């Protein structure tokens, strides 16, 4: 009878040890308090990308007026300029990241800006 009690307590100790090991595993591997690496940005304001947008428009054969850039949301711009190639006034939506890399350049709004009301 005494021998049966020892077996039960040994099983309980093994179960508790396994639970402690699992908890330590998750604390060590998955539940660290280190911050996630965020994207390193060269610029902190969208207006800092204006020179890059002017360069992009110039590379397409046109010149951008000083008031031809409007910041819409976050890093999305609305450009208006005279296109020397098509000889028409052109309106473009441009989305850049915080390093001023152009992610979107088109006549229509970027997909994340389209709502059922516009």
C-alpha atoms as a PDB file:
ATOM      1  CA  UNK A   1       0.000   0.000   0.000  1.00  0.00           C
ATOM      2  CA  UNK A   2       2.831   2.354   0.856  1.00  0.00           C
ATOM      3  CA  UNK A   3       4.474   1.456  -2.431  1.00  0.00           C
ATOM      4  CA  UNK A   4       1.361   2.582  -4.379  1.00  0.00           C
ATOM      5  CA  UNK A   5       1.500   6.055  -2.799  1.00  0.00           C
ATOM      6  CA  UNK A   6       5.109   6.532  -3.909  1.00  0.00           C
ATOM      7  CA  UNK A   7       4.228   5.689  -7.512  1.00  0.00           C
ATOM      8  CA  UNK A   8       1.403   8.191  -7.537  1.00  0.00           C
ATOM      9  CA  UNK A   9       3.525  10.951  -6.104  1.00  0.00           C
ATOM     10  CA  UNK A  10       6.327  10.179  -8.593  1.00  0.00           C
ATOM     11  CA  UNK A  11       3.821  10.483 -11.458  1.00  0.00           C
ATOM     12  CA  UNK A  12       2.581  13.760 -10.017  1.00  0.00           C
ATOM     13  CA  UNK A  13       6.144  15.063  -9.802  1.00  0.00           C
ATOM     14  CA  UNK A  14       6.836  14.088 -13.419  1.00  0.00           C
ATOM     15  CA  UNK A  15       3.626  15.822 -14.553  1.00  0.00           C
ATOM     16  CA  UNK A  16       4.529  18.981 -12.642  1.00  0.00           C
ATOM     17  CA  UNK A  17       8.055  18.897 -14.029  1.00  0.00           C
ATOM     18  CA  UNK A  18       6.723  18.590 -17.586  1.00  0.00           C
ATOM     19  CA  UNK A  19       4.370  21.527 -17.049  1.00  0.00           C
ATOM     20  CA  UNK A  20       7.230  23.639 -15.683  1.00  0.00           C
ATOM     21  CA  UNK A  21       9.432  22.695 -18.652  1.00  0.00           C
ATOM     22  CA  UNK A  22       6.704  23.646 -21.125  1.00  0.00           C
ATOM     23  CA  UNK A  23       6.211  27.006 -19.400  1.00  0.00           C
ATOM     24  CA  UNK A  24       9.957  27.666 -19.402  1.00  0.00           C
ATOM     25  CA  UNK A  25      10.138  26.736 -23.080  1.00  0.00           C
ATOM     26  CA  UNK A  26       7.451  29.280 -24.004  1.00  0.00           C
ATOM     27  CA  UNK A  27       9.008  31.969 -21.839  1.00  0.00           C
ATOM     28  CA  UNK A  28      12.411  31.377 -23.380  1.00  0.00           C
ATOM     29  CA  UNK A  29      11.345  31.137 -27.014  1.00  0.00           C
ATOM     30  CA  UNK A  30       8.031  32.768 -27.679  1.00  0.00           C
ATOM     31  CA  UNK A  31       7.158  35.176 -24.940  1.00  0.00           C
ATOM     32  CA  UNK A  32      10.162  37.455 -24.887  1.00  0.00           C
ATOM     33  CA  UNK A  33       9.681  41.136 -24.173  1.00  0.00           C
ATOM     34  CA  UNK A  34      12.022  42.246 -26.933  1.00  0.00           C
ATOM     35  CA  UNK A  35      10.433  44.715 -29.313  1.00  0.00           C
ATOM     36  CA  UNK A  36       9.885  43.650 -32.875  1.00  0.00           C
ATOM     37  CA  UNK A  37      12.312  45.078 -35.350  1.00  0.00           C
ATOM     38  CA  UNK A  38      10.526  47.886 -37.084  1.00  0.00           C
ATOM     39  CA  UNK A  39      11.368  49.141 -40.524  1.00  0.00           C
ATOM     40  CA  UNK A  40      14.217  51.604 -40.400  1.00  0.00           C
ATOM     41  CA  UNK A  41      13.042  54.867 -41.881  1.00  0.00           C
ATOM     42  CA  UNK A  42      15.130  57.644 -43.354  1.00  0.00           C
ATOM     43  CA  UNK A  43      12.316  60.175 -43.102  1.00  0.00           C
ATOM     44  CA  UNK A  44       9.620  60.826 -40.532  1.00  0.00           C
ATOM     45  CA  UNK A  45       7.361  63.201 -42.510  1.00  0.00           C
ATOM     46  CA  UNK A  46       5.814  62.664 -45.939  1.00  0.00           C
ATOM     47  CA  UNK A  47       6.819  66.159 -47.113  1.00  0.00           C
ATOM     48  CA  UNK A  48      10.461  65.059 -47.012  1.00  0.00           C
ATOM     49  CA  UNK A  49       9.765  62.914 -50.092  1.00  0.00           C
ATOM     50  CA  UNK A  50       8.781  65.860 -52.276  1.00  0.00           C
ATOM     51  CA  UNK A  51      12.143  66.022 -54.054  1.00  0.00           C
ATOM     52  CA  UNK A  52      11.891  62.328 -54.965  1.00  0.00           C
ATOM     53  CA  UNK A  53       8.429  62.842 -56.428  1.00  0.00           C
ATOM     54  CA  UNK A  54       9.680  65.805 -58.458  1.00  0.00           C
ATOM     55  CA  UNK A  55      12.517  63.638 -59.767  1.00  0.00           C
ATOM     56  CA  UNK A  56      10.079  60.864 -60.727  1.00  0.00           C
ATOM     57  CA  UNK A  57       7.817  63.264 -62.637  1.00  0.00           C
ATOM     58  CA  UNK A  58      10.849  64.821 -64.328  1.00  0.00           C
ATOM     59  CA  UNK A  59      12.047  61.366 -65.418  1.00  0.00           C
ATOM     60  CA  UNK A  60       8.673  60.943 -67.153  1.00  0.00           C
ATOM     61  CA  UNK A  61       9.319  64.073 -69.234  1.00  0.00           C
ATOM     62  CA  UNK A  62       7.370  66.680 -67.236  1.00  0.00           C
ATOM     63  CA  UNK A  63       7.846  69.300 -64.552  1.00  0.00           C
ATOM     64  CA  UNK A  64       5.914  69.419 -61.315  1.00  0.00           C
ATOM     65  CA  UNK A  65       4.609  72.804 -60.152  1.00  0.00           C
ATOM     66  CA  UNK A  66       5.411  73.922 -56.602  1.00  0.00           C
ATOM     67  CA  UNK A  67       1.781  73.529 -55.548  1.00  0.00           C
ATOM     68  CA  UNK A  68       1.276  70.324 -57.544  1.00  0.00           C
ATOM     69  CA  UNK A  69       1.778  68.004 -54.569  1.00  0.00           C
ATOM     70  CA  UNK A  70      -0.945  67.421 -51.979  1.00  0.00           C
ATOM     71  CA  UNK A  71      -0.460  65.026 -49.054  1.00  0.00           C
ATOM     72  CA  UNK A  72      -3.640  62.974 -48.630  1.00  0.00           C
ATOM     73  CA  UNK A  73      -3.168  60.314 -45.948  1.00  0.00           C
ATOM     74  CA  UNK A  74       0.006  59.128 -44.312  1.00  0.00           C
ATOM     75  CA  UNK A  75       2.437  58.643 -47.179  1.00  0.00           C
ATOM     76  CA  UNK A  76      -0.036  59.033 -50.057  1.00  0.00           C
ATOM     77  CA  UNK A  77       0.166  62.034 -52.386  1.00  0.00           C
ATOM     78  CA  UNK A  78      -2.003  63.541 -55.090  1.00  0.00           C
ATOM     79  CA  UNK A  79       0.039  65.049 -57.942  1.00  0.00           C
ATOM     80  CA  UNK A  80      -1.152  67.453 -60.611  1.00  0.00           C
ATOM     81  CA  UNK A  81       1.191  68.426 -63.428  1.00  0.00           C
ATOM     82  CA  UNK A  82       1.306  69.160 -67.152  1.00  0.00           C
ATOM     83  CA  UNK A  83       2.499  66.079 -68.980  1.00  0.00           C
ATOM     84  CA  UNK A  84       4.774  67.190 -71.825  1.00  0.00           C
ATOM     85  CA  UNK A  85       4.476  63.812 -73.546  1.00  0.00           C
ATOM     86  CA  UNK A  86       0.669  63.636 -73.794  1.00  0.00           C
ATOM     87  CA  UNK A  87       0.230  67.456 -73.740  1.00  0.00           C
ATOM     88  CA  UNK A  88      -2.459  67.177 -71.057  1.00  0.00           C
ATOM     89  CA  UNK A  89      -2.847  67.963 -67.386  1.00  0.00           C
ATOM     90  CA  UNK A  90      -2.179  64.744 -65.511  1.00  0.00           C
ATOM     91  CA  UNK A  91      -3.427  63.734 -62.073  1.00  0.00           C
ATOM     92  CA  UNK A  92      -1.696  60.870 -60.279  1.00  0.00           C
ATOM     93  CA  UNK A  93      -1.901  59.177 -56.906  1.00  0.00           C
ATOM     94  CA  UNK A  94       1.448  58.217 -55.453  1.00  0.00           C
ATOM     95  CA  UNK A  95       2.142  56.100 -52.383  1.00  0.00           C
ATOM     96  CA  UNK A  96       5.632  55.950 -50.907  1.00  0.00           C
ATOM     97  CA  UNK A  97       7.143  54.303 -47.862  1.00  0.00           C
ATOM     98  CA  UNK A  98       9.132  56.115 -45.181  1.00  0.00           C
ATOM     99  CA  UNK A  99      12.296  55.705 -47.255  1.00  0.00           C
ATOM    100  CA  UNK A 100      10.604  57.532 -50.164  1.00  0.00           C
ATOM    101  CA  UNK A 101      10.515  54.401 -52.323  1.00  0.00           C
ATOM    102  CA  UNK A 102       7.550  54.648 -54.689  1.00  0.00           C
ATOM    103  CA  UNK A 103       5.091  51.824 -54.027  1.00  0.00           C
ATOM    104  CA  UNK A 104       2.166  53.034 -56.143  1.00  0.00           C
ATOM    105  CA  UNK A 105       1.961  55.499 -59.068  1.00  0.00           C
ATOM    106  CA  UNK A 106      -1.344  55.513 -60.958  1.00  0.00           C
ATOM    107  CA  UNK A 107      -4.355  57.562 -62.093  1.00  0.00           C
ATOM    108  CA  UNK A 108      -6.729  55.852 -59.672  1.00  0.00           C
ATOM    109  CA  UNK A 109      -6.741  55.901 -55.890  1.00  0.00           C
ATOM    110  CA  UNK A 110      -4.700  53.261 -54.091  1.00  0.00           C
ATOM    111  CA  UNK A 111      -6.847  50.272 -53.055  1.00  0.00           C
ATOM    112  CA  UNK A 112      -6.648  51.093 -49.336  1.00  0.00           C
ATOM    113  CA  UNK A 113      -8.152  54.562 -49.948  1.00  0.00           C
ATOM    114  CA  UNK A 114     -11.205  53.374 -51.890  1.00  0.00           C
ATOM    115  CA  UNK A 115     -14.414  53.345 -49.868  1.00  0.00           C
ATOM    116  CA  UNK A 116     -18.005  52.564 -50.899  1.00  0.00           C
ATOM    117  CA  UNK A 117     -18.768  56.308 -50.827  1.00  0.00           C
ATOM    118  CA  UNK A 118     -16.223  57.501 -53.424  1.00  0.00           C
END
